[in-house]
N, C-alpha and C. Protein backbone atom coordinates (compact mmCIF):
# COMPACT_ATOMS: atom_id res chain seq x y z
N MET A 1 113.18 -13.96 233.77
CA MET A 1 113.57 -15.25 233.26
C MET A 1 112.33 -16.14 233.19
N SER A 2 112.16 -16.81 232.08
CA SER A 2 111.00 -17.69 231.89
C SER A 2 111.12 -18.93 232.76
N ASP A 3 109.99 -19.43 233.18
CA ASP A 3 109.96 -20.70 233.90
C ASP A 3 110.28 -21.80 232.90
N TRP A 4 111.18 -22.69 233.24
CA TRP A 4 111.59 -23.78 232.35
C TRP A 4 110.52 -24.85 232.37
N ARG A 5 109.74 -24.87 231.36
CA ARG A 5 108.70 -25.89 231.25
C ARG A 5 108.87 -26.56 229.90
N HIS A 6 109.08 -27.82 229.94
CA HIS A 6 109.27 -28.58 228.72
C HIS A 6 108.82 -30.01 228.95
N SER A 7 108.52 -30.68 227.87
CA SER A 7 108.30 -32.11 227.99
C SER A 7 109.56 -32.77 227.48
N LEU A 8 110.05 -33.70 228.23
CA LEU A 8 111.29 -34.37 227.89
C LEU A 8 110.99 -35.83 227.66
N LYS A 9 111.19 -36.27 226.43
CA LYS A 9 110.90 -37.65 226.08
C LYS A 9 112.21 -38.40 226.00
N LEU A 10 112.38 -39.40 226.82
CA LEU A 10 113.63 -40.17 226.85
C LEU A 10 113.38 -41.58 226.34
N LEU A 11 114.23 -41.98 225.42
CA LEU A 11 114.24 -43.36 224.95
C LEU A 11 115.54 -43.96 225.43
N GLN A 12 115.47 -45.03 226.19
CA GLN A 12 116.69 -45.61 226.75
C GLN A 12 117.03 -46.91 226.04
N THR A 13 118.30 -47.04 225.67
CA THR A 13 118.79 -48.27 225.09
C THR A 13 120.03 -48.69 225.86
N PHE A 14 120.24 -49.99 225.96
CA PHE A 14 121.38 -50.49 226.69
C PHE A 14 122.61 -50.49 225.80
N ALA A 15 123.74 -50.09 226.37
CA ALA A 15 125.00 -50.09 225.63
C ALA A 15 125.52 -51.52 225.50
N ASN A 16 126.24 -51.79 224.43
CA ASN A 16 126.85 -53.11 224.23
C ASN A 16 128.19 -53.17 224.94
N GLY A 17 128.69 -54.38 225.12
CA GLY A 17 130.03 -54.57 225.65
C GLY A 17 130.15 -54.41 227.15
N GLN A 18 129.09 -54.58 227.87
CA GLN A 18 129.15 -54.47 229.33
C GLN A 18 129.62 -55.79 229.90
N ASP A 19 130.49 -55.72 230.91
CA ASP A 19 130.84 -56.96 231.58
C ASP A 19 129.93 -57.14 232.79
N ASN A 20 129.96 -58.31 233.38
CA ASN A 20 129.05 -58.62 234.48
C ASN A 20 129.69 -58.52 235.85
N LEU A 21 130.80 -57.81 235.95
CA LEU A 21 131.43 -57.64 237.24
C LEU A 21 130.58 -56.75 238.13
N PRO A 22 130.38 -57.12 239.41
CA PRO A 22 129.53 -56.33 240.28
C PRO A 22 130.02 -54.90 240.48
N SER A 23 131.33 -54.68 240.43
CA SER A 23 131.86 -53.35 240.68
C SER A 23 131.91 -52.48 239.43
N ALA A 24 131.62 -53.06 238.27
CA ALA A 24 131.70 -52.31 237.02
C ALA A 24 130.52 -51.34 236.90
N LYS A 25 130.81 -50.16 236.35
CA LYS A 25 129.74 -49.21 236.09
C LYS A 25 129.00 -49.62 234.83
N VAL A 26 127.70 -49.48 234.85
CA VAL A 26 126.89 -49.80 233.68
C VAL A 26 126.65 -48.51 232.91
N ARG A 27 127.08 -48.50 231.66
CA ARG A 27 126.90 -47.33 230.81
C ARG A 27 125.63 -47.47 230.01
N LYS A 28 124.88 -46.39 229.92
CA LYS A 28 123.65 -46.38 229.13
C LYS A 28 123.69 -45.22 228.16
N ASP A 29 123.13 -45.44 226.99
CA ASP A 29 122.96 -44.37 226.02
C ASP A 29 121.55 -43.81 226.21
N ILE A 30 121.47 -42.52 226.42
CA ILE A 30 120.18 -41.85 226.61
C ILE A 30 119.93 -40.99 225.37
N LYS A 31 118.76 -41.12 224.79
CA LYS A 31 118.36 -40.31 223.64
C LYS A 31 117.04 -39.66 223.97
N GLY A 32 116.86 -38.44 223.50
CA GLY A 32 115.60 -37.76 223.77
C GLY A 32 115.39 -36.57 222.88
N GLN A 33 114.26 -35.93 223.05
CA GLN A 33 113.92 -34.71 222.33
C GLN A 33 113.35 -33.73 223.33
N ILE A 34 113.79 -32.48 223.26
CA ILE A 34 113.35 -31.45 224.20
C ILE A 34 112.40 -30.51 223.48
N THR A 35 111.23 -30.32 224.09
CA THR A 35 110.23 -29.40 223.56
C THR A 35 109.71 -28.54 224.70
N ASP A 36 109.10 -27.40 224.34
CA ASP A 36 108.46 -26.59 225.38
C ASP A 36 107.04 -27.09 225.59
N VAL A 37 106.27 -26.43 226.44
CA VAL A 37 104.93 -26.90 226.77
C VAL A 37 103.98 -26.84 225.58
N THR A 38 104.31 -26.05 224.57
CA THR A 38 103.46 -25.97 223.37
C THR A 38 103.86 -27.00 222.32
N GLY A 39 104.96 -27.75 222.57
CA GLY A 39 105.42 -28.74 221.61
C GLY A 39 106.50 -28.23 220.67
N LYS A 40 106.89 -26.98 220.82
CA LYS A 40 107.95 -26.41 219.98
C LYS A 40 109.28 -27.04 220.36
N ARG A 41 110.01 -27.50 219.35
CA ARG A 41 111.32 -28.12 219.57
C ARG A 41 112.32 -27.07 220.00
N LEU A 42 113.20 -27.43 220.94
CA LEU A 42 114.17 -26.49 221.48
C LEU A 42 115.60 -26.88 221.07
N PRO A 43 116.15 -26.21 220.04
CA PRO A 43 117.53 -26.45 219.65
C PRO A 43 118.50 -25.72 220.57
N GLY A 44 119.73 -26.20 220.65
CA GLY A 44 120.78 -25.51 221.39
C GLY A 44 120.71 -25.63 222.90
N VAL A 45 119.91 -26.56 223.40
CA VAL A 45 119.85 -26.78 224.85
C VAL A 45 121.13 -27.50 225.27
N SER A 46 121.78 -26.99 226.31
CA SER A 46 122.98 -27.62 226.85
C SER A 46 122.56 -28.74 227.80
N ILE A 47 123.09 -29.94 227.55
CA ILE A 47 122.83 -31.09 228.41
C ILE A 47 124.18 -31.52 228.97
N LYS A 48 124.37 -31.34 230.27
CA LYS A 48 125.65 -31.68 230.91
C LYS A 48 125.42 -32.73 231.98
N ILE A 49 126.43 -33.57 232.16
CA ILE A 49 126.40 -34.56 233.23
C ILE A 49 126.95 -33.87 234.48
N LYS A 50 126.13 -33.79 235.51
CA LYS A 50 126.49 -33.08 236.74
C LYS A 50 127.79 -33.63 237.32
N GLU A 51 128.64 -32.71 237.78
CA GLU A 51 129.91 -33.01 238.43
C GLU A 51 130.91 -33.70 237.51
N THR A 52 130.77 -33.52 236.18
CA THR A 52 131.74 -34.03 235.22
C THR A 52 131.93 -32.96 234.14
N ASN A 53 132.80 -33.24 233.19
CA ASN A 53 132.98 -32.36 232.04
C ASN A 53 132.18 -32.83 230.83
N GLY A 54 131.45 -33.95 230.98
CA GLY A 54 130.71 -34.52 229.87
C GLY A 54 129.44 -33.74 229.56
N GLY A 55 129.09 -33.71 228.28
CA GLY A 55 127.86 -33.05 227.89
C GLY A 55 127.67 -33.01 226.40
N THR A 56 126.55 -32.43 225.98
CA THR A 56 126.20 -32.30 224.56
C THR A 56 125.22 -31.16 224.40
N LEU A 57 124.81 -30.90 223.17
CA LEU A 57 123.79 -29.90 222.85
C LEU A 57 122.67 -30.56 222.06
N SER A 58 121.45 -30.06 222.22
CA SER A 58 120.35 -30.56 221.38
C SER A 58 120.51 -29.99 219.97
N ASP A 59 120.11 -30.78 218.97
CA ASP A 59 120.25 -30.35 217.58
C ASP A 59 119.08 -29.45 217.17
N LEU A 60 118.96 -29.15 215.88
CA LEU A 60 117.92 -28.24 215.39
C LEU A 60 116.50 -28.73 215.66
N ASP A 61 116.34 -30.05 215.83
CA ASP A 61 115.03 -30.62 216.13
C ASP A 61 114.84 -30.87 217.63
N GLY A 62 115.77 -30.38 218.46
CA GLY A 62 115.67 -30.58 219.91
C GLY A 62 116.12 -31.96 220.36
N LYS A 63 116.70 -32.75 219.44
CA LYS A 63 117.12 -34.11 219.77
C LYS A 63 118.54 -34.11 220.32
N TYR A 64 118.80 -35.09 221.20
CA TYR A 64 120.13 -35.24 221.78
C TYR A 64 120.39 -36.70 222.09
N ALA A 65 121.67 -37.04 222.27
CA ALA A 65 122.09 -38.38 222.69
C ALA A 65 123.30 -38.20 223.59
N ILE A 66 123.33 -38.95 224.69
CA ILE A 66 124.44 -38.84 225.64
C ILE A 66 124.58 -40.18 226.36
N SER A 67 125.81 -40.57 226.69
CA SER A 67 126.07 -41.80 227.45
C SER A 67 126.31 -41.43 228.90
N VAL A 68 125.70 -42.20 229.81
CA VAL A 68 125.82 -41.92 231.24
C VAL A 68 126.20 -43.18 232.00
N ASP A 69 126.78 -42.98 233.20
CA ASP A 69 127.17 -44.07 234.09
C ASP A 69 126.24 -44.12 235.29
N GLY A 70 125.54 -45.20 235.48
CA GLY A 70 124.82 -45.44 236.72
C GLY A 70 123.54 -44.67 236.96
N GLU A 71 122.75 -45.21 237.86
CA GLU A 71 121.42 -44.67 238.15
C GLU A 71 121.43 -43.38 238.95
N ASN A 72 122.58 -42.98 239.48
CA ASN A 72 122.65 -41.74 240.24
C ASN A 72 123.05 -40.55 239.38
N THR A 73 123.14 -40.75 238.08
CA THR A 73 123.54 -39.68 237.17
C THR A 73 122.46 -38.61 237.11
N ILE A 74 122.90 -37.36 237.18
CA ILE A 74 121.99 -36.22 237.04
C ILE A 74 122.39 -35.45 235.79
N LEU A 75 121.42 -35.17 234.93
CA LEU A 75 121.65 -34.35 233.74
C LEU A 75 121.15 -32.94 234.01
N LEU A 76 121.95 -31.96 233.62
CA LEU A 76 121.58 -30.54 233.75
C LEU A 76 121.19 -30.02 232.38
N PHE A 77 119.94 -29.56 232.26
CA PHE A 77 119.43 -29.01 231.01
C PHE A 77 119.35 -27.50 231.17
N SER A 78 120.03 -26.75 230.28
CA SER A 78 120.00 -25.30 230.39
C SER A 78 119.92 -24.65 229.01
N LEU A 79 119.24 -23.52 228.98
CA LEU A 79 119.07 -22.73 227.77
C LEU A 79 118.87 -21.29 228.21
N ILE A 80 119.50 -20.36 227.51
CA ILE A 80 119.37 -18.94 227.87
C ILE A 80 117.90 -18.56 227.93
N GLY A 81 117.52 -17.87 229.01
CA GLY A 81 116.14 -17.44 229.18
C GLY A 81 115.26 -18.43 229.92
N PHE A 82 115.81 -19.61 230.23
CA PHE A 82 115.05 -20.63 230.94
C PHE A 82 115.79 -21.01 232.22
N LYS A 83 115.05 -21.48 233.20
CA LYS A 83 115.63 -21.97 234.44
C LYS A 83 116.27 -23.34 234.19
N THR A 84 117.49 -23.56 234.70
CA THR A 84 118.18 -24.84 234.55
C THR A 84 117.41 -25.93 235.30
N GLN A 85 117.30 -27.10 234.67
CA GLN A 85 116.63 -28.24 235.28
C GLN A 85 117.62 -29.36 235.52
N GLU A 86 117.51 -30.03 236.66
CA GLU A 86 118.29 -31.22 236.98
C GLU A 86 117.36 -32.42 236.90
N ILE A 87 117.75 -33.39 236.06
CA ILE A 87 116.88 -34.54 235.83
C ILE A 87 117.69 -35.82 235.89
N ASN A 88 117.17 -36.82 236.60
CA ASN A 88 117.75 -38.15 236.60
C ASN A 88 117.02 -38.94 235.51
N PRO A 89 117.70 -39.26 234.40
CA PRO A 89 117.02 -39.94 233.28
C PRO A 89 116.51 -41.33 233.63
N TYR A 90 117.04 -41.93 234.68
CA TYR A 90 116.60 -43.26 235.08
C TYR A 90 115.24 -43.22 235.77
N HIS A 91 114.81 -42.06 236.21
CA HIS A 91 113.54 -41.93 236.92
C HIS A 91 112.53 -41.12 236.15
N GLN A 92 112.60 -41.15 234.83
CA GLN A 92 111.66 -40.44 233.97
C GLN A 92 110.67 -41.43 233.38
N GLU A 93 109.46 -40.95 233.15
CA GLU A 93 108.45 -41.78 232.49
C GLU A 93 108.81 -41.87 231.02
N LYS A 94 108.53 -43.01 230.42
CA LYS A 94 108.80 -43.20 228.99
C LYS A 94 107.68 -42.63 228.17
């Protein structure tokens, strides 16, 4: 199995319609593109929200978009032949 090495570029935008209640979860839209260490785009990568049924797949250009709740959200990135990675999108460099 290949070592999962990729550069993950995340662009974060704030979702509209959030209320200001302290107990409310803040939803964020996360967008990114998945490439390997050589810069090759990776289509068909499974992106799942850990401990939920939510998820998506990267498109033909390795791009994806997903909405998440809160700073403790962990995204699982997996692709056949690569090691699964767990990433907190809130703690990634832009």
